[in-house]
PDB file of all heavy atoms in Angstrom:
ATOM      1  N   LYS A   1       0.806  -1.180  -0.019  1.00  0.00           N
ATOM      2  CA  LYS A   1      -0.001  -0.019  -0.034  1.00  0.00           C
ATOM      3  C   LYS A   1       0.872   1.206   0.010  1.00  0.00           C
ATOM      4  O   LYS A   1       0.520   2.190  -0.657  1.00  0.00           O
ATOM      5  CB  LYS A   1      -0.928  -0.011   1.205  1.00  0.00           C
ATOM      6  CG  LYS A   1      -2.066  -0.969   1.061  1.00  0.00           C
ATOM      7  CD  LYS A   1      -3.125  -0.833   2.163  1.00  0.00           C
ATOM      8  CE  LYS A   1      -4.305  -1.703   1.934  1.00  0.00           C
ATOM      9  NZ  LYS A   1      -5.346  -1.552   2.921  1.00  0.00           N
ATOM     10  N   SER A   2       1.989   1.202   0.746  1.00  0.00           N
ATOM     11  CA  SER A   2       2.892   2.328   0.792  1.00  0.00           C
ATOM     12  C   SER A   2       3.446   2.602  -0.603  1.00  0.00           C
ATOM     13  O   SER A   2       3.586   3.734  -1.067  1.00  0.00           O
ATOM     14  CB  SER A   2       3.994   2.033   1.807  1.00  0.00           C
ATOM     15  OG  SER A   2       4.940   3.124   1.780  1.00  0.00           O
ATOM     16  N   GLU A   3       3.880   1.531  -1.244  1.00  0.00           N
ATOM     17  CA  GLU A   3       4.436   1.629  -2.590  1.00  0.00           C
ATOM     18  C   GLU A   3       3.379   2.101  -3.552  1.00  0.00           C
ATOM     19  O   GLU A   3       3.639   2.898  -4.500  1.00  0.00           O
ATOM     20  CB  GLU A   3       5.003   0.267  -3.041  1.00  0.00           C
ATOM     21  CG  GLU A   3       5.654   0.344  -4.456  1.00  0.00           C
ATOM     22  CD  GLU A   3       6.230  -1.033  -4.900  1.00  0.00           C
ATOM     23  OE1 GLU A   3       6.182  -1.925  -4.072  1.00  0.00           O
ATOM     24  OE2 GLU A   3       6.660  -1.076  -6.064  1.00  0.00           O
ATOM     25  N   PHE A   4       2.132   1.678  -3.365  1.00  0.00           N
ATOM     26  CA  PHE A   4       1.022   2.130  -4.174  1.00  0.00           C
ATOM     27  C   PHE A   4       0.839   3.619  -4.149  1.00  0.00           C
ATOM     28  O   PHE A   4       0.709   4.322  -5.148  1.00  0.00           O
ATOM     29  CB  PHE A   4      -0.231   1.362  -3.769  1.00  0.00           C
ATOM     30  CG  PHE A   4      -1.527   1.968  -4.290  1.00  0.00           C
ATOM     31  CD1 PHE A   4      -1.896   1.918  -5.637  1.00  0.00           C
ATOM     32  CD2 PHE A   4      -2.391   2.611  -3.414  1.00  0.00           C
ATOM     33  CE1 PHE A   4      -3.045   2.440  -6.133  1.00  0.00           C
ATOM     34  CE2 PHE A   4      -3.558   3.203  -3.904  1.00  0.00           C
ATOM     35  CZ  PHE A   4      -3.890   3.100  -5.233  1.00  0.00           C
ATOM     36  N   VAL A   5       0.797   4.181  -2.889  1.00  0.00           N
ATOM     37  CA  VAL A   5       0.593   5.603  -2.714  1.00  0.00           C
ATOM     38  C   VAL A   5       1.722   6.359  -3.338  1.00  0.00           C
ATOM     39  O   VAL A   5       1.535   7.369  -4.034  1.00  0.00           O
ATOM     40  CB  VAL A   5       0.490   5.929  -1.207  1.00  0.00           C
ATOM     41  CG1 VAL A   5       0.572   7.464  -1.001  1.00  0.00           C
ATOM     42  CG2 VAL A   5      -0.762   5.312  -0.564  1.00  0.00           C
ATOM     43  N   SER A   6       2.974   5.877  -3.185  1.00  0.00           N
ATOM     44  CA  SER A   6       4.165   6.507  -3.702  1.00  0.00           C
ATOM     45  C   SER A   6       4.051   6.529  -5.288  1.00  0.00           C
ATOM     46  O   SER A   6       4.346   7.540  -5.957  1.00  0.00           O
ATOM     47  CB  SER A   6       5.421   5.844  -3.326  1.00  0.00           C
ATOM     48  OG  SER A   6       6.545   6.343  -3.905  1.00  0.00           O
ATOM     49  N   THR A   7       3.634   5.347  -5.846  1.00  0.00           N
ATOM     50  CA  THR A   7       3.564   5.196  -7.275  1.00  0.00           C
ATOM     51  C   THR A   7       2.498   6.142  -7.861  1.00  0.00           C
ATOM     52  O   THR A   7       2.708   6.764  -8.874  1.00  0.00           O
ATOM     53  CB  THR A   7       3.254   3.745  -7.633  1.00  0.00           C
ATOM     54  OG1 THR A   7       4.270   2.919  -7.163  1.00  0.00           O
ATOM     55  CG2 THR A   7       3.170   3.607  -9.194  1.00  0.00           C
ATOM     56  N   VAL A   8       1.329   6.159  -7.274  1.00  0.00           N
ATOM     57  CA  VAL A   8       0.236   6.983  -7.749  1.00  0.00           C
ATOM     58  C   VAL A   8       0.592   8.489  -7.658  1.00  0.00           C
ATOM     59  O   VAL A   8       0.274   9.210  -8.611  1.00  0.00           O
ATOM     60  CB  VAL A   8      -1.071   6.712  -6.876  1.00  0.00           C
ATOM     61  CG1 VAL A   8      -2.146   7.800  -7.202  1.00  0.00           C
ATOM     62  CG2 VAL A   8      -1.638   5.365  -7.208  1.00  0.00           C
ATOM     63  N   THR A   9       1.261   8.903  -6.601  1.00  0.00           N
ATOM     64  CA  THR A   9       1.711  10.212  -6.502  1.00  0.00           C
ATOM     65  C   THR A   9       2.613  10.582  -7.670  1.00  0.00           C
ATOM     66  O   THR A   9       2.474  11.661  -8.314  1.00  0.00           O
ATOM     67  CB  THR A   9       2.430  10.515  -5.150  1.00  0.00           C
ATOM     68  OG1 THR A   9       1.595  10.138  -4.105  1.00  0.00           O
ATOM     69  CG2 THR A   9       2.886  11.945  -5.012  1.00  0.00           C
ATOM     70  N   HIS A  10       3.563   9.692  -7.960  1.00  0.00           N
ATOM     71  CA  HIS A  10       4.502   9.878  -9.065  1.00  0.00           C
ATOM     72  C   HIS A  10       3.752   9.919 -10.364  1.00  0.00           C
ATOM     73  O   HIS A  10       3.983  10.722 -11.276  1.00  0.00           O
ATOM     74  CB  HIS A  10       5.525   8.766  -9.052  1.00  0.00           C
ATOM     75  CG  HIS A  10       6.477   8.857 -10.257  1.00  0.00           C
ATOM     76  ND1 HIS A  10       7.443   9.767 -10.398  1.00  0.00           N
ATOM     77  CD2 HIS A  10       6.555   8.098 -11.307  1.00  0.00           C
ATOM     78  CE1 HIS A  10       8.142   9.615 -11.518  1.00  0.00           C
ATOM     79  NE2 HIS A  10       7.523   8.565 -12.126  1.00  0.00           N
ATOM     80  N   GLU A  11       2.793   9.035 -10.547  1.00  0.00           N
ATOM     81  CA  GLU A  11       2.046   8.879 -11.798  1.00  0.00           C
ATOM     82  C   GLU A  11       1.232  10.152 -12.091  1.00  0.00           C
ATOM     83  O   GLU A  11       0.981  10.507 -13.198  1.00  0.00           O
ATOM     84  CB  GLU A  11       1.100   7.652 -11.726  1.00  0.00           C
ATOM     85  CG  GLU A  11       1.791   6.387 -11.886  1.00  0.00           C
ATOM     86  CD  GLU A  11       2.112   5.979 -13.296  1.00  0.00           C
ATOM     87  OE1 GLU A  11       1.176   5.721 -14.052  1.00  0.00           O
ATOM     88  OE2 GLU A  11       3.316   6.037 -13.644  1.00  0.00           O
ATOM     89  N   LEU A  12       0.737  10.833 -10.999  1.00  0.00           N
ATOM     90  CA  LEU A  12      -0.029  12.043 -11.151  1.00  0.00           C
ATOM     91  C   LEU A  12       0.908  13.295 -11.438  1.00  0.00           C
ATOM     92  O   LEU A  12       0.559  14.095 -12.258  1.00  0.00           O
ATOM     93  CB  LEU A  12      -0.879  12.320  -9.926  1.00  0.00           C
ATOM     94  CG  LEU A  12      -2.146  11.455  -9.751  1.00  0.00           C
ATOM     95  CD1 LEU A  12      -2.736  11.703  -8.361  1.00  0.00           C
ATOM     96  CD2 LEU A  12      -3.129  11.759 -10.826  1.00  0.00           C
ATOM     97  N   LYS A  13       2.052  13.303 -10.734  1.00  0.00           N
ATOM     98  CA  LYS A  13       2.957  14.424 -10.869  1.00  0.00           C
ATOM     99  C   LYS A  13       3.636  14.480 -12.224  1.00  0.00           C
ATOM    100  O   LYS A  13       3.850  15.563 -12.823  1.00  0.00           O
ATOM    101  CB  LYS A  13       4.032  14.339  -9.780  1.00  0.00           C
ATOM    102  CG  LYS A  13       3.560  14.701  -8.415  1.00  0.00           C
ATOM    103  CD  LYS A  13       4.657  14.595  -7.376  1.00  0.00           C
ATOM    104  CE  LYS A  13       5.677  15.698  -7.534  1.00  0.00           C
ATOM    105  NZ  LYS A  13       6.685  15.633  -6.459  1.00  0.00           N
ATOM    106  N   THR A  14       3.961  13.325 -12.836  1.00  0.00           N
ATOM    107  CA  THR A  14       4.625  13.263 -14.121  1.00  0.00           C
ATOM    108  C   THR A  14       3.835  13.901 -15.240  1.00  0.00           C
ATOM    109  O   THR A  14       4.326  14.836 -15.901  1.00  0.00           O
ATOM    110  CB  THR A  14       5.028  11.833 -14.502  1.00  0.00           C
ATOM    111  OG1 THR A  14       5.847  11.281 -13.476  1.00  0.00           O
ATOM    112  CG2 THR A  14       5.721  11.787 -15.819  1.00  0.00           C
ATOM    113  N   PRO A  15       2.551  13.565 -15.498  1.00  0.00           N
ATOM    114  CA  PRO A  15       1.807  14.224 -16.551  1.00  0.00           C
ATOM    115  C   PRO A  15       1.480  15.698 -16.230  1.00  0.00           C
ATOM    116  O   PRO A  15       1.486  16.506 -17.087  1.00  0.00           O
ATOM    117  CB  PRO A  15       0.489  13.401 -16.643  1.00  0.00           C
ATOM    118  CG  PRO A  15       0.385  12.637 -15.416  1.00  0.00           C
ATOM    119  CD  PRO A  15       1.799  12.406 -14.930  1.00  0.00           C
ATOM    120  N   LEU A  16       1.273  15.959 -14.954  1.00  0.00           N
ATOM    121  CA  LEU A  16       1.054  17.346 -14.539  1.00  0.00           C
ATOM    122  C   LEU A  16       2.248  18.282 -14.863  1.00  0.00           C
ATOM    123  O   LEU A  16       2.053  19.399 -15.391  1.00  0.00           O
ATOM    124  CB  LEU A  16       0.721  17.424 -13.010  1.00  0.00           C
ATOM    125  CG  LEU A  16      -0.713  17.168 -12.644  1.00  0.00           C
ATOM    126  CD1 LEU A  16      -0.896  17.112 -11.169  1.00  0.00           C
ATOM    127  CD2 LEU A  16      -1.678  18.289 -13.207  1.00  0.00           C
ATOM    128  N   SER A  17       3.456  17.777 -14.602  1.00  0.00           N
ATOM    129  CA  SER A  17       4.685  18.561 -14.861  1.00  0.00           C
ATOM    130  C   SER A  17       4.799  18.774 -16.373  1.00  0.00           C
ATOM    131  O   SER A  17       5.142  19.911 -16.824  1.00  0.00           O
ATOM    132  CB  SER A  17       5.860  17.818 -14.316  1.00  0.00           C
ATOM    133  OG  SER A  17       5.803  17.667 -12.940  1.00  0.00           O
ATOM    134  N   LEU A  18       4.545  17.778 -17.163  1.00  0.00           N
ATOM    135  CA  LEU A  18       4.654  17.880 -18.617  1.00  0.00           C
ATOM    136  C   LEU A  18       3.592  18.832 -19.188  1.00  0.00           C
ATOM    137  O   LEU A  18       3.858  19.618 -20.060  1.00  0.00           O
ATOM    138  CB  LEU A  18       4.524  16.515 -19.259  1.00  0.00           C
ATOM    139  CG  LEU A  18       4.769  16.426 -20.789  1.00  0.00           C
ATOM    140  CD1 LEU A  18       6.136  17.042 -21.154  1.00  0.00           C
ATOM    141  CD2 LEU A  18       4.747  15.018 -21.224  1.00  0.00           C
ATOM    142  N   MET A  19       2.350  18.742 -18.641  1.00  0.00           N
ATOM    143  CA  MET A  19       1.299  19.552 -19.080  1.00  0.00           C
ATOM    144  C   MET A  19       1.600  21.061 -18.744  1.00  0.00           C
ATOM    145  O   MET A  19       1.305  21.972 -19.545  1.00  0.00           O
ATOM    146  CB  MET A  19      -0.059  19.131 -18.411  1.00  0.00           C
ATOM    147  CG  MET A  19      -0.571  17.805 -19.001  1.00  0.00           C
ATOM    148  SD  MET A  19      -1.826  17.079 -17.945  1.00  0.00           S
ATOM    149  CE  MET A  19      -3.167  18.244 -18.007  1.00  0.00           C
ATOM    150  N   ARG A  20       2.124  21.260 -17.602  1.00  0.00           N
ATOM    151  CA  ARG A  20       2.532  22.635 -17.206  1.00  0.00           C
ATOM    152  C   ARG A  20       3.653  23.190 -18.118  1.00  0.00           C
ATOM    153  O   ARG A  20       3.543  24.328 -18.551  1.00  0.00           O
ATOM    154  CB  ARG A  20       3.067  22.621 -15.713  1.00  0.00           C
ATOM    155  CG  ARG A  20       3.593  23.917 -15.233  1.00  0.00           C
ATOM    156  CD  ARG A  20       2.459  24.949 -15.114  1.00  0.00           C
ATOM    157  NE  ARG A  20       2.980  26.264 -14.689  1.00  0.00           N
ATOM    158  CZ  ARG A  20       3.090  26.575 -13.350  1.00  0.00           C
ATOM    159  NH1 ARG A  20       2.700  25.775 -12.418  1.00  0.00           N
ATOM    160  NH2 ARG A  20       3.544  27.772 -13.065  1.00  0.00           N
ATOM    161  N   LEU A  21       4.563  22.334 -18.454  1.00  0.00           N
ATOM    162  CA  LEU A  21       5.650  22.770 -19.344  1.00  0.00           C
ATOM    163  C   LEU A  21       5.100  23.140 -20.728  1.00  0.00           C
ATOM    164  O   LEU A  21       5.476  24.179 -21.332  1.00  0.00           O
ATOM    165  CB  LEU A  21       6.710  21.620 -19.507  1.00  0.00           C
ATOM    166  CG  LEU A  21       7.878  21.884 -20.391  1.00  0.00           C
ATOM    167  CD1 LEU A  21       8.717  23.081 -19.912  1.00  0.00           C
ATOM    168  CD2 LEU A  21       8.768  20.693 -20.514  1.00  0.00           C
ATOM    169  N   VAL A  22       4.277  22.255 -21.315  1.00  0.00           N
ATOM    170  CA  VAL A  22       3.655  22.485 -22.629  1.00  0.00           C
ATOM    171  C   VAL A  22       2.798  23.770 -22.591  1.00  0.00           C
ATOM    172  O   VAL A  22       2.876  24.599 -23.456  1.00  0.00           O
ATOM    173  CB  VAL A  22       2.890  21.275 -23.100  1.00  0.00           C
ATOM    174  CG1 VAL A  22       2.087  21.626 -24.422  1.00  0.00           C
ATOM    175  CG2 VAL A  22       3.797  20.129 -23.312  1.00  0.00           C
ATOM    176  N   ALA A  23       1.956  23.882 -21.533  1.00  0.00           N
ATOM    177  CA  ALA A  23       1.096  25.086 -21.420  1.00  0.00           C
ATOM    178  C   ALA A  23       1.899  26.367 -21.354  1.00  0.00           C
ATOM    179  O   ALA A  23       1.596  27.345 -22.004  1.00  0.00           O
ATOM    180  CB  ALA A  23       0.195  24.888 -20.207  1.00  0.00           C
ATOM    181  N   ASP A  24       2.965  26.340 -20.545  1.00  0.00           N
ATOM    182  CA  ASP A  24       3.787  27.524 -20.415  1.00  0.00           C
ATOM    183  C   ASP A  24       4.483  27.860 -21.746  1.00  0.00           C
ATOM    184  O   ASP A  24       4.625  29.073 -22.132  1.00  0.00           O
ATOM    185  CB  ASP A  24       4.923  27.295 -19.337  1.00  0.00           C
ATOM    186  CG  ASP A  24       4.363  27.350 -17.936  1.00  0.00           C
ATOM    187  OD1 ASP A  24       3.232  27.816 -17.772  1.00  0.00           O
ATOM    188  OD2 ASP A  24       5.089  26.984 -17.003  1.00  0.00           O
ATOM    189  N   THR A  25       4.904  26.794 -22.497  1.00  0.00           N
ATOM    190  CA  THR A  25       5.506  27.045 -23.815  1.00  0.00           C
ATOM    191  C   THR A  25       4.559  27.682 -24.760  1.00  0.00           C
ATOM    192  O   THR A  25       4.901  28.655 -25.478  1.00  0.00           O
ATOM    193  CB  THR A  25       6.039  25.719 -24.346  1.00  0.00           C
ATOM    194  OG1 THR A  25       6.996  25.120 -23.493  1.00  0.00           O
ATOM    195  CG2 THR A  25       6.596  25.840 -25.741  1.00  0.00           C
ATOM    196  N   LEU A  26       3.298  27.252 -24.773  1.00  0.00           N
ATOM    197  CA  LEU A  26       2.278  27.870 -25.629  1.00  0.00           C
ATOM    198  C   LEU A  26       1.917  29.243 -25.221  1.00  0.00           C
ATOM    199  O   LEU A  26       1.766  30.151 -26.102  1.00  0.00           O
ATOM    200  CB  LEU A  26       1.037  26.935 -25.713  1.00  0.00           C
ATOM    201  CG  LEU A  26       1.194  25.556 -26.320  1.00  0.00           C
ATOM    202  CD1 LEU A  26      -0.074  24.725 -26.060  1.00  0.00           C
ATOM    203  CD2 LEU A  26       1.411  25.739 -27.817  1.00  0.00           C
ATOM    204  N   VAL A  27       1.740  29.473 -23.932  1.00  0.00           N
ATOM    205  CA  VAL A  27       1.344  30.795 -23.450  1.00  0.00           C
ATOM    206  C   VAL A  27       2.375  31.868 -23.717  1.00  0.00           C
ATOM    207  O   VAL A  27       2.096  32.993 -24.148  1.00  0.00           O
ATOM    208  CB  VAL A  27       1.021  30.763 -21.912  1.00  0.00           C
ATOM    209  CG1 VAL A  27       0.967  32.140 -21.338  1.00  0.00           C
ATOM    210  CG2 VAL A  27      -0.239  29.967 -21.682  1.00  0.00           C
ATOM    211  N   THR A  28       3.675  31.469 -23.525  1.00  0.00           N
ATOM    212  CA  THR A  28       4.749  32.457 -23.731  1.00  0.00           C
ATOM    213  C   THR A  28       5.263  32.528 -25.158  1.00  0.00           C
ATOM    214  O   THR A  28       6.142  33.374 -25.512  1.00  0.00           O
ATOM    215  CB  THR A  28       5.974  32.118 -22.776  1.00  0.00           C
ATOM    216  OG1 THR A  28       6.386  30.769 -23.143  1.00  0.00           O
ATOM    217  CG2 THR A  28       5.559  32.203 -21.282  1.00  0.00           C
ATOM    218  N   GLY A  29       4.763  31.634 -26.011  1.00  0.00           N
ATOM    219  CA  GLY A  29       5.154  31.641 -27.422  1.00  0.00           C
ATOM    220  C   GLY A  29       6.568  31.125 -27.642  1.00  0.00           C
ATOM    221  O   GLY A  29       7.207  31.511 -28.638  1.00  0.00           O
ATOM    222  N   ARG A  30       7.060  30.288 -26.726  1.00  0.00           N
ATOM    223  CA  ARG A  30       8.423  29.760 -26.854  1.00  0.00           C
ATOM    224  C   ARG A  30       8.440  28.578 -27.767  1.00  0.00           C
ATOM    225  O   ARG A  30       8.889  27.461 -27.408  1.00  0.00           O
ATOM    226  CB  ARG A  30       8.984  29.439 -25.439  1.00  0.00           C
ATOM    227  CG  ARG A  30       9.178  30.626 -24.559  1.00  0.00           C
ATOM    228  CD  ARG A  30      10.063  30.250 -23.402  1.00  0.00           C
ATOM    229  NE  ARG A  30       9.749  29.046 -22.761  1.00  0.00           N
ATOM    230  CZ  ARG A  30       8.973  28.941 -21.662  1.00  0.00           C
ATOM    231  NH1 ARG A  30       8.432  30.023 -21.171  1.00  0.00           N
ATOM    232  NH2 ARG A  30       8.731  27.828 -21.140  1.00  0.00           N
ATOM    233  N   TYR A  31       7.945  28.631 -28.965  1.00  0.00           N
ATOM    234  CA  TYR A  31       8.039  27.500 -29.928  1.00  0.00           C
ATOM    235  C   TYR A  31       8.515  28.138 -31.294  1.00  0.00           C
ATOM    236  O   TYR A  31       8.312  29.274 -31.573  1.00  0.00           O
ATOM    237  CB  TYR A  31       6.666  26.822 -30.081  1.00  0.00           C
ATOM    238  CG  TYR A  31       5.492  27.750 -30.283  1.00  0.00           C
ATOM    239  CD1 TYR A  31       5.116  28.181 -31.596  1.00  0.00           C
ATOM    240  CD2 TYR A  31       4.738  28.180 -29.182  1.00  0.00           C
ATOM    241  CE1 TYR A  31       4.020  28.995 -31.746  1.00  0.00           C
ATOM    242  CE2 TYR A  31       3.651  29.034 -29.369  1.00  0.00           C
ATOM    243  CZ  TYR A  31       3.308  29.444 -30.647  1.00  0.00           C
ATOM    244  OH  TYR A  31       2.247  30.264 -30.828  1.00  0.00           O
ATOM    245  N   LYS A  32       9.144  27.299 -32.077  1.00  0.00           N
ATOM    246  CA  LYS A  32       9.819  27.803 -33.306  1.00  0.00           C
ATOM    247  C   LYS A  32       8.863  28.197 -34.422  1.00  0.00           C
ATOM    248  O   LYS A  32       9.184  29.216 -35.072  1.00  0.00           O
ATOM    249  CB  LYS A  32      10.763  26.705 -33.792  1.00  0.00           C
ATOM    250  CG  LYS A  32      11.953  26.398 -32.843  1.00  0.00           C
ATOM    251  CD  LYS A  32      12.847  25.354 -33.372  1.00  0.00           C
ATOM    252  CE  LYS A  32      14.025  25.047 -32.445  1.00  0.00           C
ATOM    253  NZ  LYS A  32      14.923  23.923 -32.932  1.00  0.00           N
ATOM    254  N   ASN A  33       7.764  27.469 -34.632  1.00  0.00           N
ATOM    255  CA  ASN A  33       6.831  27.812 -35.582  1.00  0.00           C
ATOM    256  C   ASN A  33       5.449  27.305 -35.271  1.00  0.00           C
ATOM    257  O   ASN A  33       5.261  26.443 -34.391  1.00  0.00           O
ATOM    258  CB  ASN A  33       7.278  27.312 -36.992  1.00  0.00           C
ATOM    259  CG  ASN A  33       7.549  25.777 -36.973  1.00  0.00           C
ATOM    260  OD1 ASN A  33       6.629  25.030 -36.687  1.00  0.00           O
ATOM    261  ND2 ASN A  33       8.814  25.394 -37.241  1.00  0.00           N
ATOM    262  N   ALA A  34       4.396  27.786 -35.988  1.00  0.00           N
ATOM    263  CA  ALA A  34       3.012  27.475 -35.666  1.00  0.00           C
ATOM    264  C   ALA A  34       2.724  25.978 -35.913  1.00  0.00           C
ATOM    265  O   ALA A  34       1.771  25.451 -35.413  1.00  0.00           O
ATOM    266  CB  ALA A  34       2.105  28.355 -36.502  1.00  0.00           C
ATOM    267  N   GLU A  35       3.531  25.337 -36.747  1.00  0.00           N
ATOM    268  CA  GLU A  35       3.296  23.910 -37.031  1.00  0.00           C
ATOM    269  C   GLU A  35       3.543  23.068 -35.807  1.00  0.00           C
ATOM    270  O   GLU A  35       3.062  21.925 -35.753  1.00  0.00           O
ATOM    271  CB  GLU A  35       4.258  23.472 -38.164  1.00  0.00           C
ATOM    272  CG  GLU A  35       3.950  24.095 -39.522  1.00  0.00           C
ATOM    273  CD  GLU A  35       4.994  23.737 -40.609  1.00  0.00           C
ATOM    274  OE1 GLU A  35       5.881  22.872 -40.236  1.00  0.00           O
ATOM    275  OE2 GLU A  35       4.916  24.252 -41.712  1.00  0.00           O
ATOM    276  N   LYS A  36       4.225  23.563 -34.800  1.00  0.00           N
ATOM    277  CA  LYS A  36       4.474  22.839 -33.580  1.00  0.00           C
ATOM    278  C   LYS A  36       3.207  22.793 -32.665  1.00  0.00           C
ATOM    279  O   LYS A  36       3.111  21.927 -31.855  1.00  0.00           O
ATOM    280  CB  LYS A  36       5.623  23.432 -32.787  1.00  0.00           C
ATOM    281  CG  LYS A  36       7.022  23.210 -33.384  1.00  0.00           C
ATOM    282  CD  LYS A  36       7.425  21.717 -33.102  1.00  0.00           C
ATOM    283  CE  LYS A  36       8.745  21.407 -33.651  1.00  0.00           C
ATOM    284  NZ  LYS A  36       9.114  19.985 -33.503  1.00  0.00           N
ATOM    285  N   ILE A  37       2.331  23.721 -32.876  1.00  0.00           N
ATOM    286  CA  ILE A  37       1.168  23.850 -31.948  1.00  0.00           C
ATOM    287  C   ILE A  37       0.302  22.555 -32.000  1.00  0.00           C
ATOM    288  O   ILE A  37      -0.053  22.021 -30.877  1.00  0.00           O
ATOM    289  CB  ILE A  37       0.315  25.045 -32.308  1.00  0.00           C
ATOM    290  CG1 ILE A  37       1.133  26.334 -32.038  1.00  0.00           C
ATOM    291  CG2 ILE A  37      -1.035  25.063 -31.499  1.00  0.00           C
ATOM    292  CD1 ILE A  37       0.380  27.606 -32.442  1.00  0.00           C
ATOM    293  N   PRO A  38      -0.004  21.912 -33.135  1.00  0.00           N
ATOM    294  CA  PRO A  38      -0.718  20.682 -33.103  1.00  0.00           C
ATOM    295  C   PRO A  38      -0.007  19.554 -32.351  1.00  0.00           C
ATOM    296  O   PRO A  38      -0.648  18.726 -31.702  1.00  0.00           O
ATOM    297  CB  PRO A  38      -0.911  20.273 -34.573  1.00  0.00           C
ATOM    298  CG  PRO A  38      -0.831  21.590 -35.257  1.00  0.00           C
ATOM    299  CD  PRO A  38       0.163  22.435 -34.508  1.00  0.00           C
ATOM    300  N   GLU A  39       1.308  19.553 -32.473  1.00  0.00           N
ATOM    301  CA  GLU A  39       2.143  18.564 -31.718  1.00  0.00           C
ATOM    302  C   GLU A  39       2.002  18.717 -30.243  1.00  0.00           C
ATOM    303  O   GLU A  39       1.792  17.745 -29.499  1.00  0.00           O
ATOM    304  CB  GLU A  39       3.574  18.666 -32.124  1.00  0.00           C
ATOM    305  CG  GLU A  39       3.927  18.201 -33.556  1.00  0.00           C
ATOM    306  CD  GLU A  39       5.425  18.270 -33.828  1.00  0.00           C
ATOM    307  OE1 GLU A  39       6.247  18.255 -32.886  1.00  0.00           O
ATOM    308  OE2 GLU A  39       5.743  18.525 -35.031  1.00  0.00           O
TER     309      GLU A  39
END
């Protein structure tokens, strides 16, 4: 159960961190061209 809680916490934090990074990149316009937006 302890490992389960640790794993779930990690599993939630990983996509959240990536989503935050992508969102910040889009909001600040830190991408090379508009073709990257669909990616």
